[in-house]
Amino acid sequence: MKLSIFTLMLGTAGALAACGPAPTPQQQAARQHEIACLSGTLGGALIGGVIGNQFGGGSGKAILTGAGAAAGAVEGNRFAC
C-alpha cells in the first residue's frame, strides 16, 4: 500500500516537473558542463580506486584504494572541468 502511494506521488511529481518552462540555451550549456565535470570526477575516482586497489594488503589495501579514488577524483575533475 505504501509503495503504491509513493509511486503515485513520484509519478505526479515527475509529470508536474515536465510542465515547467523550457531551459534557455545558457541553462542547457551549464547543465552539460556540470554533467561533464561530474562524469570526469566519478570516472577519475573509479580509475584511481582500481589502481590503488592493486597495491598493499589488509587495511593498507583499503587505505590505498581510498587514496587512489580521492586522487583520481581530483584529477578527473581537473581534467573534465
Protein backbone atom coordinates (compact mmCIF):
# COMPACT_ATOMS: atom_id res chain seq x y z
CA MET A 1 0.00 0.00 0.00
CA LYS A 2 2.75 2.45 0.96
CA LEU A 3 4.71 1.55 -2.16
CA SER A 4 1.77 2.30 -4.45
CA ILE A 5 1.18 5.68 -2.76
CA PHE A 6 4.88 6.50 -3.06
CA THR A 7 4.87 5.50 -6.73
CA LEU A 8 1.80 7.64 -7.40
CA MET A 9 3.37 10.65 -5.67
CA LEU A 10 6.63 10.20 -7.56
CA GLY A 11 4.82 9.91 -10.89
CA THR A 12 2.76 13.02 -10.16
CA ALA A 13 5.87 14.99 -9.26
CA GLY A 14 7.55 13.88 -12.48
CA ALA A 15 4.54 14.85 -14.56
CA LEU A 16 4.35 18.28 -12.94
CA ALA A 17 8.08 18.84 -13.43
CA ALA A 18 7.68 18.17 -17.15
CA CYS A 19 5.21 21.07 -17.37
CA GLY A 20 7.83 23.67 -16.47
CA PRO A 21 9.34 26.19 -18.87
CA ALA A 22 11.92 25.02 -21.37
CA PRO A 23 15.51 25.73 -20.32
CA THR A 24 17.39 28.51 -22.08
CA PRO A 25 20.48 27.68 -24.15
CA GLN A 26 22.65 29.07 -21.35
CA GLN A 27 20.98 26.77 -18.82
CA GLN A 28 21.45 23.80 -21.14
CA ALA A 29 25.14 24.63 -21.60
CA ALA A 30 25.60 24.97 -17.84
CA ARG A 31 23.88 21.62 -17.25
CA GLN A 32 26.08 19.91 -19.86
CA HIS A 33 29.17 21.39 -18.19
CA GLU A 34 28.00 20.11 -14.80
CA ILE A 35 27.43 16.64 -16.23
CA ALA A 36 30.89 16.65 -17.84
CA CYS A 37 32.52 17.69 -14.55
CA LEU A 38 30.60 15.08 -12.59
CA SER A 39 31.40 12.29 -15.05
CA GLY A 40 35.09 13.26 -15.03
CA THR A 41 35.16 13.23 -11.25
CA LEU A 42 33.38 9.88 -10.94
CA GLY A 43 35.42 8.31 -13.74
CA GLY A 44 38.66 9.50 -12.17
CA ALA A 45 37.61 8.17 -8.77
CA LEU A 46 36.76 4.80 -10.27
CA ILE A 47 40.03 4.50 -12.16
CA GLY A 48 42.06 5.78 -9.19
CA GLY A 49 40.34 3.33 -6.85
CA VAL A 50 41.06 0.41 -9.17
CA ILE A 51 44.71 1.38 -9.46
CA GLY A 52 45.05 1.96 -5.71
CA ASN A 53 43.47 -1.43 -5.03
CA GLN A 54 46.36 -3.14 -6.81
CA PHE A 55 48.78 -2.25 -4.02
CA GLY A 56 49.10 -3.06 -0.33
CA GLY A 57 47.46 -5.71 1.76
CA GLY A 58 44.97 -5.85 4.61
CA SER A 59 43.99 -2.43 5.88
CA GLY A 60 46.74 -0.87 3.75
CA LYS A 61 44.90 -2.02 0.66
CA ALA A 62 41.75 -0.20 1.80
CA ILE A 63 43.73 2.94 2.57
CA LEU A 64 45.45 2.91 -0.80
CA THR A 65 42.15 2.25 -2.56
CA GLY A 66 40.61 5.28 -0.85
CA ALA A 67 43.66 7.44 -1.54
CA GLY A 68 43.66 6.38 -5.19
CA ALA A 69 39.96 7.15 -5.50
CA ALA A 70 40.42 10.59 -3.93
CA ALA A 71 43.40 11.43 -6.12
CA GLY A 72 41.61 10.15 -9.19
CA ALA A 73 38.54 12.24 -8.39
CA VAL A 74 40.64 15.39 -8.08
CA GLU A 75 42.46 14.74 -11.33
CA GLY A 76 39.31 13.71 -13.18
CA ASN A 77 37.58 16.89 -12.06
CA ARG A 78 40.56 18.99 -13.08
CA PHE A 79 40.72 17.31 -16.49
CA ALA A 80 36.99 17.49 -17.27
CA CYS A 81 36.23 20.98 -15.93
